[in-house]
Amino acid sequence: MDTLECIKTRRSRRKFLDKEVSDEIIEKIIDFARYAPFGGPLKKECQVWEFVVVKDRETIKELALGYEDREFLFGTPVVIACCTDKTKDPEYKEWTITMSLAMENILLTTHSLGLGACFITTFTKHEKHKDDREKMIKILELPENIELIGMIALGYPDDSEVLEKKDLRDLKEVIHCERW
């Protein structure tokens, strides 16, 4: 798939076929995540990415936290918890940005391989959801040095899912030249 077409046609998918995603495909998707830009020295010791692949349906259901808008997880074959290791480069504090770039690579790679995916927030900045965040960390058994940044549900898309048309702001509204 052409890169520009992939970016323009990628959509969040929440309805998946009951079909296993092979470990080989999951590893390929995560491999492409590692090619995202990251801050800090270009040494592998400083690469903060960590991924927890969850295929167990009961664990995936637990990660839904009882929220109605996460019930689609009940039919999701795979969830990838995207984390960073805060000890890999302790001076670098932009873990969220680094992992966000890698997560976009996951979303685009997934789409280019004919699978569907949906980003799931982990409430990194939501004080009122602090308990929910702690539940997800506990479910995933993350050690203290591992920061949960986001999760991605993925699988083979069910083409019966009705996708709303994206309503994007006009390009001229979002571009500011030289100054605001």
C-alpha atoms as a PDB file:
ATOM      1  CA  MET A   1       0.000   0.000   0.000  1.00  0.00           C
ATOM      2  CA  ASP A   2       1.259   3.476  -0.884  1.00  0.00           C
ATOM      3  CA  THR A   3       2.287   5.464   2.212  1.00  0.00           C
ATOM      4  CA  LEU A   4       0.065   8.464   1.475  1.00  0.00           C
ATOM      5  CA  GLU A   5      -2.927   6.237   0.750  1.00  0.00           C
ATOM      6  CA  CYS A   6      -2.268   4.348   3.987  1.00  0.00           C
ATOM      7  CA  ILE A   7      -2.285   7.571   6.009  1.00  0.00           C
ATOM      8  CA  LYS A   8      -5.457   8.884   4.355  1.00  0.00           C
ATOM      9  CA  THR A   9      -7.443   5.622   4.524  1.00  0.00           C
ATOM     10  CA  ARG A  10      -6.467   4.369   7.995  1.00  0.00           C
ATOM     11  CA  ARG A  11      -9.458   4.413  10.318  1.00  0.00           C
ATOM     12  CA  SER A  12     -10.089   3.226  13.855  1.00  0.00           C
ATOM     13  CA  ARG A  13     -11.681  -0.214  13.681  1.00  0.00           C
ATOM     14  CA  ARG A  14     -13.701  -1.648  16.561  1.00  0.00           C
ATOM     15  CA  LYS A  15     -15.243  -4.726  14.997  1.00  0.00           C
ATOM     16  CA  PHE A  16     -13.025  -7.701  14.256  1.00  0.00           C
ATOM     17  CA  LEU A  17     -13.392 -11.155  12.797  1.00  0.00           C
ATOM     18  CA  ASP A  18     -12.980 -14.078  15.167  1.00  0.00           C
ATOM     19  CA  LYS A  19      -9.652 -14.897  13.549  1.00  0.00           C
ATOM     20  CA  GLU A  20      -6.293 -15.297  15.254  1.00  0.00           C
ATOM     21  CA  VAL A  21      -3.498 -12.885  14.414  1.00  0.00           C
ATOM     22  CA  SER A  22      -0.252 -14.844  14.125  1.00  0.00           C
ATOM     23  CA  ASP A  23       2.751 -14.085  16.297  1.00  0.00           C
ATOM     24  CA  GLU A  24       4.709 -13.508  13.091  1.00  0.00           C
ATOM     25  CA  ILE A  25       2.391 -10.669  12.043  1.00  0.00           C
ATOM     26  CA  ILE A  26       2.400  -9.170  15.547  1.00  0.00           C
ATOM     27  CA  GLU A  27       6.204  -9.221  15.593  1.00  0.00           C
ATOM     28  CA  LYS A  28       6.286  -7.562  12.166  1.00  0.00           C
ATOM     29  CA  ILE A  29       3.957  -4.816  13.396  1.00  0.00           C
ATOM     30  CA  ILE A  30       6.080  -4.209  16.503  1.00  0.00           C
ATOM     31  CA  ASP A  31       9.251  -4.321  14.422  1.00  0.00           C
ATOM     32  CA  PHE A  32       7.989  -1.359  12.386  1.00  0.00           C
ATOM     33  CA  ALA A  33       7.154   0.485  15.618  1.00  0.00           C
ATOM     34  CA  ARG A  34      10.871   0.429  16.435  1.00  0.00           C
ATOM     35  CA  TYR A  35      11.609   2.525  13.351  1.00  0.00           C
ATOM     36  CA  ALA A  36       9.719   5.523  14.732  1.00  0.00           C
ATOM     37  CA  PRO A  37      11.729   8.624  15.615  1.00  0.00           C
ATOM     38  CA  PHE A  38      12.858   8.860  19.214  1.00  0.00           C
ATOM     39  CA  GLY A  39      14.691  11.446  21.263  1.00  0.00           C
ATOM     40  CA  GLY A  40      18.059  10.872  22.767  1.00  0.00           C
ATOM     41  CA  PRO A  41      21.227   9.204  21.550  1.00  0.00           C
ATOM     42  CA  LEU A  42      20.950   6.744  18.674  1.00  0.00           C
ATOM     43  CA  LYS A  43      22.023   3.852  20.866  1.00  0.00           C
ATOM     44  CA  LYS A  44      19.916   0.802  21.594  1.00  0.00           C
ATOM     45  CA  GLU A  45      20.485   1.259  25.330  1.00  0.00           C
ATOM     46  CA  CYS A  46      18.423   4.472  25.111  1.00  0.00           C
ATOM     47  CA  GLN A  47      15.459   3.045  23.199  1.00  0.00           C
ATOM     48  CA  VAL A  48      12.624   3.098  25.702  1.00  0.00           C
ATOM     49  CA  TRP A  49       9.958   1.059  23.843  1.00  0.00           C
ATOM     50  CA  GLU A  50       8.365  -1.940  25.562  1.00  0.00           C
ATOM     51  CA  PHE A  51       5.310  -3.858  24.329  1.00  0.00           C
ATOM     52  CA  VAL A  52       3.022  -6.274  26.152  1.00  0.00           C
ATOM     53  CA  VAL A  53       1.079  -8.445  23.706  1.00  0.00           C
ATOM     54  CA  VAL A  54      -2.207  -9.660  25.170  1.00  0.00           C
ATOM     55  CA  LYS A  55      -4.172 -12.427  23.442  1.00  0.00           C
ATOM     56  CA  ASP A  56      -5.974 -13.920  26.424  1.00  0.00           C
ATOM     57  CA  ARG A  57      -9.646 -12.977  25.967  1.00  0.00           C
ATOM     58  CA  GLU A  58     -10.330 -12.738  29.717  1.00  0.00           C
ATOM     59  CA  THR A  59      -7.415 -10.355  30.231  1.00  0.00           C
ATOM     60  CA  ILE A  60      -8.585  -8.265  27.272  1.00  0.00           C
ATOM     61  CA  LYS A  61     -12.081  -8.105  28.811  1.00  0.00           C
ATOM     62  CA  GLU A  62     -10.555  -6.922  32.094  1.00  0.00           C
ATOM     63  CA  LEU A  63      -8.751  -4.123  30.222  1.00  0.00           C
ATOM     64  CA  ALA A  64     -12.161  -2.850  29.069  1.00  0.00           C
ATOM     65  CA  LEU A  65     -12.689  -1.756  32.723  1.00  0.00           C
ATOM     66  CA  GLY A  66     -16.452  -2.148  32.377  1.00  0.00           C
ATOM     67  CA  TYR A  67     -16.748   0.910  30.101  1.00  0.00           C
ATOM     68  CA  GLU A  68     -19.460   0.707  27.462  1.00  0.00           C
ATOM     69  CA  ASP A  69     -17.252   2.371  24.852  1.00  0.00           C
ATOM     70  CA  ARG A  70     -14.668  -0.369  25.397  1.00  0.00           C
ATOM     71  CA  GLU A  71     -17.055  -3.303  25.010  1.00  0.00           C
ATOM     72  CA  PHE A  72     -15.674  -3.801  21.511  1.00  0.00           C
ATOM     73  CA  LEU A  73     -12.618  -5.259  23.240  1.00  0.00           C
ATOM     74  CA  PHE A  74     -14.667  -8.367  24.044  1.00  0.00           C
ATOM     75  CA  GLY A  75     -14.248  -9.405  20.396  1.00  0.00           C
ATOM     76  CA  THR A  76     -10.692  -8.168  19.935  1.00  0.00           C
ATOM     77  CA  PRO A  77      -8.090 -10.861  19.189  1.00  0.00           C
ATOM     78  CA  VAL A  78      -5.030  -8.832  20.295  1.00  0.00           C
ATOM     79  CA  VAL A  79      -4.249  -5.841  22.467  1.00  0.00           C
ATOM     80  CA  ILE A  80      -0.772  -4.372  22.475  1.00  0.00           C
ATOM     81  CA  ALA A  81       0.023  -2.382  25.601  1.00  0.00           C
ATOM     82  CA  CYS A  82       2.569   0.238  24.576  1.00  0.00           C
ATOM     83  CA  CYS A  83       4.926   1.127  27.382  1.00  0.00           C
ATOM     84  CA  THR A  84       8.248   2.810  28.010  1.00  0.00           C
ATOM     85  CA  ASP A  85      11.081   1.851  30.321  1.00  0.00           C
ATOM     86  CA  LYS A  86      11.958   4.950  32.339  1.00  0.00           C
ATOM     87  CA  THR A  87      15.370   3.489  33.261  1.00  0.00           C
ATOM     88  CA  LYS A  88      16.641   3.167  29.661  1.00  0.00           C
ATOM     89  CA  ASP A  89      17.432   6.879  29.351  1.00  0.00           C
ATOM     90  CA  PRO A  90      16.671   8.503  32.730  1.00  0.00           C
ATOM     91  CA  GLU A  91      17.545  12.042  31.569  1.00  0.00           C
ATOM     92  CA  TYR A  92      15.015  11.853  28.740  1.00  0.00           C
ATOM     93  CA  LYS A  93      11.482  12.557  29.961  1.00  0.00           C
ATOM     94  CA  GLU A  94       9.507  12.608  26.694  1.00  0.00           C
ATOM     95  CA  TRP A  95       8.332   8.998  26.958  1.00  0.00           C
ATOM     96  CA  THR A  96       4.793   9.805  25.860  1.00  0.00           C
ATOM     97  CA  ILE A  97       5.950  11.486  22.665  1.00  0.00           C
ATOM     98  CA  THR A  98       8.391   8.701  21.834  1.00  0.00           C
ATOM     99  CA  MET A  99       5.776   5.999  22.313  1.00  0.00           C
ATOM    100  CA  SER A 100       3.122   8.019  20.471  1.00  0.00           C
ATOM    101  CA  LEU A 101       5.327   8.040  17.389  1.00  0.00           C
ATOM    102  CA  ALA A 102       5.801   4.277  17.679  1.00  0.00           C
ATOM    103  CA  MET A 103       2.044   3.770  18.157  1.00  0.00           C
ATOM    104  CA  GLU A 104       1.332   5.661  14.940  1.00  0.00           C
ATOM    105  CA  ASN A 105       3.729   3.289  13.174  1.00  0.00           C
ATOM    106  CA  ILE A 106       1.749   0.386  14.661  1.00  0.00           C
ATOM    107  CA  LEU A 107      -1.540   1.835  13.419  1.00  0.00           C
ATOM    108  CA  LEU A 108      -0.202   2.455   9.918  1.00  0.00           C
ATOM    109  CA  THR A 109       1.603  -0.896   9.660  1.00  0.00           C
ATOM    110  CA  THR A 110      -1.508  -2.707  10.834  1.00  0.00           C
ATOM    111  CA  HIS A 111      -3.603  -0.977   8.169  1.00  0.00           C
ATOM    112  CA  SER A 112      -1.042  -1.602   5.433  1.00  0.00           C
ATOM    113  CA  LEU A 113      -1.084  -5.327   6.270  1.00  0.00           C
ATOM    114  CA  GLY A 114      -4.876  -5.475   5.881  1.00  0.00           C
ATOM    115  CA  LEU A 115      -5.695  -5.544   9.576  1.00  0.00           C
ATOM    116  CA  GLY A 116      -7.664  -3.044  11.613  1.00  0.00           C
ATOM    117  CA  ALA A 117      -6.703  -1.284  14.824  1.00  0.00           C
ATOM    118  CA  CYS A 118      -7.975   1.160  17.407  1.00  0.00           C
ATOM    119  CA  PHE A 119      -6.014   3.279  19.869  1.00  0.00           C
ATOM    120  CA  ILE A 120      -7.198   2.999  23.474  1.00  0.00           C
ATOM    121  CA  THR A 121      -6.332   5.636  26.052  1.00  0.00           C
ATOM    122  CA  THR A 122      -4.715   4.632  29.323  1.00  0.00           C
ATOM    123  CA  PHE A 123      -5.619   7.880  31.091  1.00  0.00           C
ATOM    124  CA  THR A 124      -2.037   9.147  31.427  1.00  0.00           C
ATOM    125  CA  LYS A 125      -3.255  12.710  32.122  1.00  0.00           C
ATOM    126  CA  HIS A 126      -6.733  12.091  33.542  1.00  0.00           C
ATOM    127  CA  GLU A 127      -6.751  12.623  37.289  1.00  0.00           C
ATOM    128  CA  LYS A 128     -10.364  11.414  37.624  1.00  0.00           C
ATOM    129  CA  HIS A 129      -9.391   8.092  36.000  1.00  0.00           C
ATOM    130  CA  LYS A 130      -6.349   7.485  38.200  1.00  0.00           C
ATOM    131  CA  ASP A 131      -7.917   4.321  39.687  1.00  0.00           C
ATOM    132  CA  ASP A 132      -8.706   2.964  36.210  1.00  0.00           C
ATOM    133  CA  ARG A 133      -5.107   3.516  35.174  1.00  0.00           C
ATOM    134  CA  GLU A 134      -3.882   1.674  38.260  1.00  0.00           C
ATOM    135  CA  LYS A 135      -6.212  -1.242  37.414  1.00  0.00           C
ATOM    136  CA  MET A 136      -4.722  -1.544  33.918  1.00  0.00           C
ATOM    137  CA  ILE A 137      -1.184  -1.444  35.311  1.00  0.00           C
ATOM    138  CA  LYS A 138      -2.106  -4.154  37.819  1.00  0.00           C
ATOM    139  CA  ILE A 139      -3.829  -6.329  35.167  1.00  0.00           C
ATOM    140  CA  LEU A 140      -0.698  -6.135  33.005  1.00  0.00           C
ATOM    141  CA  GLU A 141       1.575  -6.672  36.034  1.00  0.00           C
ATOM    142  CA  LEU A 142       3.835  -3.807  35.006  1.00  0.00           C
ATOM    143  CA  PRO A 143       6.893  -3.148  37.150  1.00  0.00           C
ATOM    144  CA  GLU A 144       7.342   0.342  38.598  1.00  0.00           C
ATOM    145  CA  ASN A 145       9.930   1.423  36.006  1.00  0.00           C
ATOM    146  CA  ILE A 146       7.530   0.706  33.130  1.00  0.00           C
ATOM    147  CA  GLU A 147       5.189   3.517  32.106  1.00  0.00           C
ATOM    148  CA  LEU A 148       1.936   2.533  30.361  1.00  0.00           C
ATOM    149  CA  ILE A 149       1.370   5.031  27.538  1.00  0.00           C
ATOM    150  CA  GLY A 150      -1.441   3.579  25.427  1.00  0.00           C
ATOM    151  CA  MET A 151      -2.980   0.395  24.093  1.00  0.00           C
ATOM    152  CA  ILE A 152      -3.876  -0.694  20.601  1.00  0.00           C
ATOM    153  CA  ALA A 153      -6.596  -3.245  19.853  1.00  0.00           C
ATOM    154  CA  LEU A 154      -6.058  -5.032  16.580  1.00  0.00           C
ATOM    155  CA  GLY A 155      -7.342  -7.839  14.428  1.00  0.00           C
ATOM    156  CA  TYR A 156      -8.777  -8.648  11.034  1.00  0.00           C
ATOM    157  CA  PRO A 157     -11.500  -6.076  10.384  1.00  0.00           C
ATOM    158  CA  ASP A 158     -15.112  -7.128  10.068  1.00  0.00           C
ATOM    159  CA  ASP A 159     -16.256  -5.371   6.898  1.00  0.00           C
ATOM    160  CA  SER A 160     -19.801  -5.146   8.256  1.00  0.00           C
ATOM    161  CA  GLU A 161     -18.623  -2.353  10.566  1.00  0.00           C
ATOM    162  CA  VAL A 162     -20.083   0.970   9.503  1.00  0.00           C
ATOM    163  CA  LEU A 163     -17.367   3.630   9.571  1.00  0.00           C
ATOM    164  CA  GLU A 164     -18.361   7.262   9.842  1.00  0.00           C
ATOM    165  CA  LYS A 165     -16.830   9.661   7.353  1.00  0.00           C
ATOM    166  CA  LYS A 166     -14.064  11.770   8.897  1.00  0.00           C
ATOM    167  CA  ASP A 167     -15.095  15.397   9.167  1.00  0.00           C
ATOM    168  CA  LEU A 168     -11.775  17.228   9.095  1.00  0.00           C
ATOM    169  CA  ARG A 169     -11.265  20.912   9.726  1.00  0.00           C
ATOM    170  CA  ASP A 170     -10.489  22.938   6.622  1.00  0.00           C
ATOM    171  CA  LEU A 171      -6.775  22.975   5.866  1.00  0.00           C
ATOM    172  CA  LYS A 172      -6.683  26.779   5.830  1.00  0.00           C
ATOM    173  CA  GLU A 173      -8.006  26.794   9.412  1.00  0.00           C
ATOM    174  CA  VAL A 174      -5.057  24.821  10.778  1.00  0.00           C
ATOM    175  CA  ILE A 175      -2.130  26.426   8.937  1.00  0.00           C
ATOM    176  CA  HIS A 176      -0.531  29.573  10.366  1.00  0.00           C
ATOM    177  CA  CYS A 177       2.385  31.060   8.435  1.00  0.00           C
ATOM    178  CA  GLU A 178       5.381  32.501  10.270  1.00  0.00           C
ATOM    179  CA  ARG A 179       3.352  33.529  13.330  1.00  0.00           C
ATOM    180  CA  TRP A 180      -0.091  32.935  14.757  1.00  0.00           C
END
